[in-house]
Amino acid sequence: MTEGSERVKGPASYFPSIERDYGRPIEEWQELIRSSDLTRHMELVNWLKTEYGIGHGHANALVAYTLAEEDGEP
């Protein structure tokens, strides 16, 4: 790894494959999550899996990252 480059870790490390596999930008997935009436982590994960056919790991990453942003976590 070159100096100044930083490897993406955590939920965001899934973002390139989520965008490639499901054809929507991350911001669009986050807007769907935020606009849902559901609020609990696993409810949202299961909703993404059922309604959009997203795999469990990808759905979990999207929900974790979005909810962490809303809680003010980096």
PDB file of N, CA and C in Angstrom:
ATOM      1  N   MET A   1       0.856  -1.178   0.000  1.00  0.00           N
ATOM      2  CA  MET A   1       0.000   0.000   0.000  1.00  0.00           C
ATOM      3  C   MET A   1       0.897   1.235   0.000  1.00  0.00           C
ATOM      4  N   THR A   2       0.561   2.205  -0.803  1.00  0.00           N
ATOM      5  CA  THR A   2       1.388   3.397  -0.881  1.00  0.00           C
ATOM      6  C   THR A   2       1.031   4.358   0.234  1.00  0.00           C
ATOM      7  N   GLU A   3       1.992   5.209   0.557  1.00  0.00           N
ATOM      8  CA  GLU A   3       1.757   6.193   1.601  1.00  0.00           C
ATOM      9  C   GLU A   3       0.615   7.110   1.196  1.00  0.00           C
ATOM     10  N   GLY A   4      -0.267   7.364   2.158  1.00  0.00           N
ATOM     11  CA  GLY A   4      -1.398   8.245   1.887  1.00  0.00           C
ATOM     12  C   GLY A   4      -2.637   7.503   1.415  1.00  0.00           C
ATOM     13  N   SER A   5      -2.467   6.248   0.986  1.00  0.00           N
ATOM     14  CA  SER A   5      -3.655   5.492   0.598  1.00  0.00           C
ATOM     15  C   SER A   5      -4.145   4.715   1.803  1.00  0.00           C
ATOM     16  N   GLU A   6      -5.441   4.664   1.933  1.00  0.00           N
ATOM     17  CA  GLU A   6      -6.021   4.017   3.087  1.00  0.00           C
ATOM     18  C   GLU A   6      -7.027   2.991   2.607  1.00  0.00           C
ATOM     19  N   ARG A   7      -6.920   1.792   3.135  1.00  0.00           N
ATOM     20  CA  ARG A   7      -7.853   0.736   2.756  1.00  0.00           C
ATOM     21  C   ARG A   7      -9.183   0.966   3.467  1.00  0.00           C
ATOM     22  N   VAL A   8     -10.274   0.877   2.708  1.00  0.00           N
ATOM     23  CA  VAL A   8     -11.600   1.059   3.275  1.00  0.00           C
ATOM     24  C   VAL A   8     -11.923  -0.158   4.132  1.00  0.00           C
ATOM     25  N   LYS A   9     -12.427   0.097   5.330  1.00  0.00           N
ATOM     26  CA  LYS A   9     -12.750  -0.979   6.257  1.00  0.00           C
ATOM     27  C   LYS A   9     -14.217  -0.895   6.645  1.00  0.00           C
ATOM     28  N   GLY A  10     -14.698  -1.939   7.291  1.00  0.00           N
ATOM     29  CA  GLY A  10     -16.060  -1.957   7.797  1.00  0.00           C
ATOM     30  C   GLY A  10     -17.090  -2.053   6.691  1.00  0.00           C
ATOM     31  N   PRO A  11     -18.309  -1.622   6.994  1.00  0.00           N
ATOM     32  CA  PRO A  11     -19.410  -1.749   6.023  1.00  0.00           C
ATOM     33  C   PRO A  11     -19.111  -1.120   4.669  1.00  0.00           C
ATOM     34  N   ALA A  12     -18.386  -0.008   4.655  1.00  0.00           N
ATOM     35  CA  ALA A  12     -18.118   0.687   3.389  1.00  0.00           C
ATOM     36  C   ALA A  12     -17.269  -0.156   2.440  1.00  0.00           C
ATOM     37  N   SER A  13     -16.565  -1.157   2.959  1.00  0.00           N
ATOM     38  CA  SER A  13     -15.753  -2.007   2.082  1.00  0.00           C
ATOM     39  C   SER A  13     -16.626  -2.812   1.118  1.00  0.00           C
ATOM     40  N   TYR A  14     -17.897  -2.950   1.425  1.00  0.00           N
ATOM     41  CA  TYR A  14     -18.832  -3.673   0.561  1.00  0.00           C
ATOM     42  C   TYR A  14     -19.415  -2.797  -0.544  1.00  0.00           C
ATOM     43  N   PHE A  15     -19.271  -1.491  -0.437  1.00  0.00           N
ATOM     44  CA  PHE A  15     -19.982  -0.582  -1.336  1.00  0.00           C
ATOM     45  C   PHE A  15     -19.694  -0.798  -2.825  1.00  0.00           C
ATOM     46  N   PRO A  16     -18.444  -0.989  -3.237  1.00  0.00           N
ATOM     47  CA  PRO A  16     -18.230  -1.202  -4.688  1.00  0.00           C
ATOM     48  C   PRO A  16     -18.986  -2.419  -5.225  1.00  0.00           C
ATOM     49  N   SER A  17     -18.981  -3.509  -4.483  1.00  0.00           N
ATOM     50  CA  SER A  17     -19.684  -4.695  -4.979  1.00  0.00           C
ATOM     51  C   SER A  17     -21.200  -4.534  -4.886  1.00  0.00           C
ATOM     52  N   ILE A  18     -21.693  -3.790  -3.905  1.00  0.00           N
ATOM     53  CA  ILE A  18     -23.133  -3.531  -3.810  1.00  0.00           C
ATOM     54  C   ILE A  18     -23.593  -2.737  -5.029  1.00  0.00           C
ATOM     55  N   GLU A  19     -22.855  -1.687  -5.358  1.00  0.00           N
ATOM     56  CA  GLU A  19     -23.226  -0.878  -6.522  1.00  0.00           C
ATOM     57  C   GLU A  19     -23.157  -1.704  -7.806  1.00  0.00           C
ATOM     58  N   ARG A  20     -22.132  -2.512  -7.937  1.00  0.00           N
ATOM     59  CA  ARG A  20     -21.973  -3.343  -9.136  1.00  0.00           C
ATOM     60  C   ARG A  20     -23.068  -4.410  -9.217  1.00  0.00           C
ATOM     61  N   ASP A  21     -23.309  -5.108  -8.111  1.00  0.00           N
ATOM     62  CA  ASP A  21     -24.239  -6.243  -8.129  1.00  0.00           C
ATOM     63  C   ASP A  21     -25.707  -5.839  -8.206  1.00  0.00           C
ATOM     64  N   TYR A  22     -26.056  -4.676  -7.643  1.00  0.00           N
ATOM     65  CA  TYR A  22     -27.477  -4.312  -7.555  1.00  0.00           C
ATOM     66  C   TYR A  22     -27.847  -3.066  -8.357  1.00  0.00           C
ATOM     67  N   GLY A  23     -26.865  -2.445  -9.011  1.00  0.00           N
ATOM     68  CA  GLY A  23     -27.135  -1.404  -9.987  1.00  0.00           C
ATOM     69  C   GLY A  23     -27.652  -0.071  -9.476  1.00  0.00           C
ATOM     70  N   ARG A  24     -27.452   0.191  -8.194  1.00  0.00           N
ATOM     71  CA  ARG A  24     -27.859   1.489  -7.643  1.00  0.00           C
ATOM     72  C   ARG A  24     -26.693   2.074  -6.850  1.00  0.00           C
ATOM     73  N   PRO A  25     -26.556   3.393  -6.856  1.00  0.00           N
ATOM     74  CA  PRO A  25     -25.518   4.008  -6.016  1.00  0.00           C
ATOM     75  C   PRO A  25     -25.866   3.863  -4.533  1.00  0.00           C
ATOM     76  N   ILE A  26     -24.864   3.879  -3.696  1.00  0.00           N
ATOM     77  CA  ILE A  26     -25.045   3.720  -2.253  1.00  0.00           C
ATOM     78  C   ILE A  26     -26.006   4.770  -1.710  1.00  0.00           C
ATOM     79  N   GLU A  27     -25.907   5.990  -2.199  1.00  0.00           N
ATOM     80  CA  GLU A  27     -26.775   7.060  -1.718  1.00  0.00           C
ATOM     81  C   GLU A  27     -28.249   6.717  -1.936  1.00  0.00           C
ATOM     82  N   GLU A  28     -28.540   6.051  -3.029  1.00  0.00           N
ATOM     83  CA  GLU A  28     -29.923   5.672  -3.312  1.00  0.00           C
ATOM     84  C   GLU A  28     -30.401   4.598  -2.321  1.00  0.00           C
ATOM     85  N   TRP A  29     -29.535   3.629  -2.026  1.00  0.00           N
ATOM     86  CA  TRP A  29     -29.891   2.612  -1.026  1.00  0.00           C
ATOM     87  C   TRP A  29     -30.110   3.260   0.334  1.00  0.00           C
ATOM     88  N   GLN A  30     -29.252   4.207   0.681  1.00  0.00           N
ATOM     89  CA  GLN A  30     -29.398   4.882   1.972  1.00  0.00           C
ATOM     90  C   GLN A  30     -30.702   5.670   2.040  1.00  0.00           C
ATOM     91  N   GLU A  31     -31.088   6.292   0.958  1.00  0.00           N
ATOM     92  CA  GLU A  31     -32.347   7.035   0.938  1.00  0.00           C
ATOM     93  C   GLU A  31     -33.529   6.089   1.125  1.00  0.00           C
ATOM     94  N   LEU A  32     -33.473   4.918   0.495  1.00  0.00           N
ATOM     95  CA  LEU A  32     -34.527   3.919   0.685  1.00  0.00           C
ATOM     96  C   LEU A  32     -34.613   3.499   2.156  1.00  0.00           C
ATOM     97  N   ILE A  33     -33.467   3.282   2.763  1.00  0.00           N
ATOM     98  CA  ILE A  33     -33.435   2.876   4.177  1.00  0.00           C
ATOM     99  C   ILE A  33     -34.014   3.980   5.048  1.00  0.00           C
ATOM    100  N   ARG A  34     -33.585   5.209   4.814  1.00  0.00           N
ATOM    101  CA  ARG A  34     -34.059   6.341   5.627  1.00  0.00           C
ATOM    102  C   ARG A  34     -35.551   6.600   5.450  1.00  0.00           C
ATOM    103  N   SER A  35     -36.072   6.322   4.271  1.00  0.00           N
ATOM    104  CA  SER A  35     -37.483   6.611   4.011  1.00  0.00           C
ATOM    105  C   SER A  35     -38.403   5.471   4.447  1.00  0.00           C
ATOM    106  N   SER A  36     -37.839   4.361   4.843  1.00  0.00           N
ATOM    107  CA  SER A  36     -38.643   3.232   5.297  1.00  0.00           C
ATOM    108  C   SER A  36     -39.283   3.537   6.645  1.00  0.00           C
ATOM    109  N   ASP A  37     -40.439   2.954   6.873  1.00  0.00           N
ATOM    110  CA  ASP A  37     -41.098   3.084   8.171  1.00  0.00           C
ATOM    111  C   ASP A  37     -40.417   2.206   9.222  1.00  0.00           C
ATOM    112  N   LEU A  38     -39.586   1.280   8.773  1.00  0.00           N
ATOM    113  CA  LEU A  38     -38.881   0.396   9.695  1.00  0.00           C
ATOM    114  C   LEU A  38     -37.718   1.138  10.345  1.00  0.00           C
ATOM    115  N   THR A  39     -37.399   0.777  11.584  1.00  0.00           N
ATOM    116  CA  THR A  39     -36.321   1.472  12.289  1.00  0.00           C
ATOM    117  C   THR A  39     -35.278   0.534  12.886  1.00  0.00           C
ATOM    118  N   ARG A  40     -35.646  -0.715  13.085  1.00  0.00           N
ATOM    119  CA  ARG A  40     -34.718  -1.651  13.722  1.00  0.00           C
ATOM    120  C   ARG A  40     -33.792  -2.277  12.685  1.00  0.00           C
ATOM    121  N   HIS A  41     -32.555  -2.485  13.104  1.00  0.00           N
ATOM    122  CA  HIS A  41     -31.521  -2.977  12.200  1.00  0.00           C
ATOM    123  C   HIS A  41     -31.960  -4.220  11.421  1.00  0.00           C
ATOM    124  N   MET A  42     -32.337  -5.279  12.120  1.00  0.00           N
ATOM    125  CA  MET A  42     -32.660  -6.533  11.429  1.00  0.00           C
ATOM    126  C   MET A  42     -33.954  -6.442  10.622  1.00  0.00           C
ATOM    127  N   GLU A  43     -34.882  -5.598  11.042  1.00  0.00           N
ATOM    128  CA  GLU A  43     -36.080  -5.384  10.227  1.00  0.00           C
ATOM    129  C   GLU A  43     -35.687  -4.796   8.873  1.00  0.00           C
ATOM    130  N   LEU A  44     -34.795  -3.823   8.902  1.00  0.00           N
ATOM    131  CA  LEU A  44     -34.341  -3.189   7.672  1.00  0.00           C
ATOM    132  C   LEU A  44     -33.547  -4.163   6.806  1.00  0.00           C
ATOM    133  N   VAL A  45     -32.684  -4.950   7.431  1.00  0.00           N
ATOM    134  CA  VAL A  45     -31.911  -5.951   6.688  1.00  0.00           C
ATOM    135  C   VAL A  45     -32.856  -6.925   5.986  1.00  0.00           C
ATOM    136  N   ASN A  46     -33.804  -7.454   6.729  1.00  0.00           N
ATOM    137  CA  ASN A  46     -34.749  -8.416   6.142  1.00  0.00           C
ATOM    138  C   ASN A  46     -35.606  -7.785   5.047  1.00  0.00           C
ATOM    139  N   TRP A  47     -35.961  -6.529   5.218  1.00  0.00           N
ATOM    140  CA  TRP A  47     -36.731  -5.806   4.205  1.00  0.00           C
ATOM    141  C   TRP A  47     -35.924  -5.677   2.906  1.00  0.00           C
ATOM    142  N   LEU A  48     -34.663  -5.290   3.005  1.00  0.00           N
ATOM    143  CA  LEU A  48     -33.823  -5.171   1.807  1.00  0.00           C
ATOM    144  C   LEU A  48     -33.665  -6.526   1.119  1.00  0.00           C
ATOM    145  N   LYS A  49     -33.512  -7.566   1.905  1.00  0.00           N
ATOM    146  CA  LYS A  49     -33.366  -8.912   1.345  1.00  0.00           C
ATOM    147  C   LYS A  49     -34.639  -9.339   0.622  1.00  0.00           C
ATOM    148  N   THR A  50     -35.785  -9.103   1.247  1.00  0.00           N
ATOM    149  CA  THR A  50     -37.067  -9.543   0.693  1.00  0.00           C
ATOM    150  C   THR A  50     -37.503  -8.692  -0.490  1.00  0.00           C
ATOM    151  N   GLU A  51     -37.456  -7.377  -0.339  1.00  0.00           N
ATOM    152  CA  GLU A  51     -37.978  -6.466  -1.362  1.00  0.00           C
ATOM    153  C   GLU A  51     -37.032  -6.254  -2.541  1.00  0.00           C
ATOM    154  N   TYR A  52     -35.727  -6.337  -2.297  1.00  0.00           N
ATOM    155  CA  TYR A  52     -34.760  -5.992  -3.336  1.00  0.00           C
ATOM    156  C   TYR A  52     -33.798  -7.119  -3.689  1.00  0.00           C
ATOM    157  N   GLY A  53     -33.918  -8.256  -3.005  1.00  0.00           N
ATOM    158  CA  GLY A  53     -33.068  -9.400  -3.324  1.00  0.00           C
ATOM    159  C   GLY A  53     -31.606  -9.217  -2.973  1.00  0.00           C
ATOM    160  N   ILE A  54     -31.335  -8.345  -2.033  1.00  0.00           N
ATOM    161  CA  ILE A  54     -29.954  -8.101  -1.620  1.00  0.00           C
ATOM    162  C   ILE A  54     -29.518  -9.226  -0.684  1.00  0.00           C
ATOM    163  N   GLY A  55     -28.270  -9.656  -0.827  1.00  0.00           N
ATOM    164  CA  GLY A  55     -27.727 -10.675   0.055  1.00  0.00           C
ATOM    165  C   GLY A  55     -27.606 -10.152   1.477  1.00  0.00           C
ATOM    166  N   HIS A  56     -27.553 -11.060   2.425  1.00  0.00           N
ATOM    167  CA  HIS A  56     -27.537 -10.684   3.838  1.00  0.00           C
ATOM    168  C   HIS A  56     -26.360  -9.767   4.192  1.00  0.00           C
ATOM    169  N   GLY A  57     -25.170 -10.119   3.768  1.00  0.00           N
ATOM    170  CA  GLY A  57     -23.989  -9.308   4.098  1.00  0.00           C
ATOM    171  C   GLY A  57     -24.068  -7.900   3.541  1.00  0.00           C
ATOM    172  N   HIS A  58     -24.531  -7.786   2.320  1.00  0.00           N
ATOM    173  CA  HIS A  58     -24.660  -6.467   1.699  1.00  0.00           C
ATOM    174  C   HIS A  58     -25.752  -5.642   2.378  1.00  0.00           C
ATOM    175  N   ALA A  59     -26.885  -6.273   2.669  1.00  0.00           N
ATOM    176  CA  ALA A  59     -27.970  -5.564   3.353  1.00  0.00           C
ATOM    177  C   ALA A  59     -27.515  -5.113   4.739  1.00  0.00           C
ATOM    178  N   ASN A  60     -26.831  -5.987   5.446  1.00  0.00           N
ATOM    179  CA  ASN A  60     -26.335  -5.664   6.778  1.00  0.00           C
ATOM    180  C   ASN A  60     -25.364  -4.482   6.729  1.00  0.00           C
ATOM    181  N   ALA A  61     -24.468  -4.482   5.742  1.00  0.00           N
ATOM    182  CA  ALA A  61     -23.498  -3.394   5.601  1.00  0.00           C
ATOM    183  C   ALA A  61     -24.200  -2.062   5.332  1.00  0.00           C
ATOM    184  N   LEU A  62     -25.177  -2.073   4.424  1.00  0.00           N
ATOM    185  CA  LEU A  62     -25.907  -0.841   4.107  1.00  0.00           C
ATOM    186  C   LEU A  62     -26.639  -0.300   5.327  1.00  0.00           C
ATOM    187  N   VAL A  63     -27.320  -1.166   6.048  1.00  0.00           N
ATOM    188  CA  VAL A  63     -28.079  -0.728   7.221  1.00  0.00           C
ATOM    189  C   VAL A  63     -27.138  -0.249   8.317  1.00  0.00           C
ATOM    190  N   ALA A  64     -26.094  -0.995   8.597  1.00  0.00           N
ATOM    191  CA  ALA A  64     -25.151  -0.611   9.656  1.00  0.00           C
ATOM    192  C   ALA A  64     -24.539   0.754   9.365  1.00  0.00           C
ATOM    193  N   TYR A  65     -24.104   0.960   8.142  1.00  0.00           N
ATOM    194  CA  TYR A  65     -23.471   2.227   7.772  1.00  0.00           C
ATOM    195  C   TYR A  65     -24.466   3.381   7.850  1.00  0.00           C
ATOM    196  N   THR A  66     -25.670   3.173   7.339  1.00  0.00           N
ATOM    197  CA  THR A  66     -26.688   4.227   7.331  1.00  0.00           C
ATOM    198  C   THR A  66     -27.117   4.590   8.741  1.00  0.00           C
ATOM    199  N   LEU A  67     -27.366   3.597   9.575  1.00  0.00           N
ATOM    200  CA  LEU A  67     -27.782   3.884  10.953  1.00  0.00           C
ATOM    201  C   LEU A  67     -26.653   4.534  11.750  1.00  0.00           C
ATOM    202  N   ALA A  68     -25.415   4.131  11.509  1.00  0.00           N
ATOM    203  CA  ALA A  68     -24.282   4.751  12.196  1.00  0.00           C
ATOM    204  C   ALA A  68     -24.150   6.221  11.808  1.00  0.00           C
ATOM    205  N   GLU A  69     -24.370   6.529  10.543  1.00  0.00           N
ATOM    206  CA  GLU A  69     -24.344   7.933  10.088  1.00  0.00           C
ATOM    207  C   GLU A  69     -25.395   8.750  10.813  1.00  0.00           C
ATOM    208  N   GLU A  70     -26.578   8.179  10.951  1.00  0.00           N
ATOM    209  CA  GLU A  70     -27.661   8.905  11.612  1.00  0.00           C
ATOM    210  C   GLU A  70     -27.382   9.111  13.101  1.00  0.00           C
ATOM    211  N   ASP A  71     -26.608   8.199  13.685  1.00  0.00           N
ATOM    212  CA  ASP A  71     -26.240   8.334  15.092  1.00  0.00           C
ATOM    213  C   ASP A  71     -25.014   9.205  15.291  1.00  0.00           C
ATOM    214  N   GLY A  72     -24.473   9.745  14.184  1.00  0.00           N
ATOM    215  CA  GLY A  72     -23.329  10.632  14.259  1.00  0.00           C
ATOM    216  C   GLY A  72     -21.999   9.919  14.397  1.00  0.00           C
ATOM    217  N   GLU A  73     -21.965   8.628  14.120  1.00  0.00           N
ATOM    218  CA  GLU A  73     -20.717   7.878  14.185  1.00  0.00           C
ATOM    219  C   GLU A  73     -20.004   7.995  12.851  1.00  0.00           C
ATOM    220  N   PRO A  74     -18.680   7.978  12.871  1.00  0.00           N
ATOM    221  CA  PRO A  74     -17.928   8.080  11.609  1.00  0.00           C
ATOM    222  C   PRO A  74     -18.073   6.872  10.716  1.00  0.00           C
TER     223      PRO A  74
END
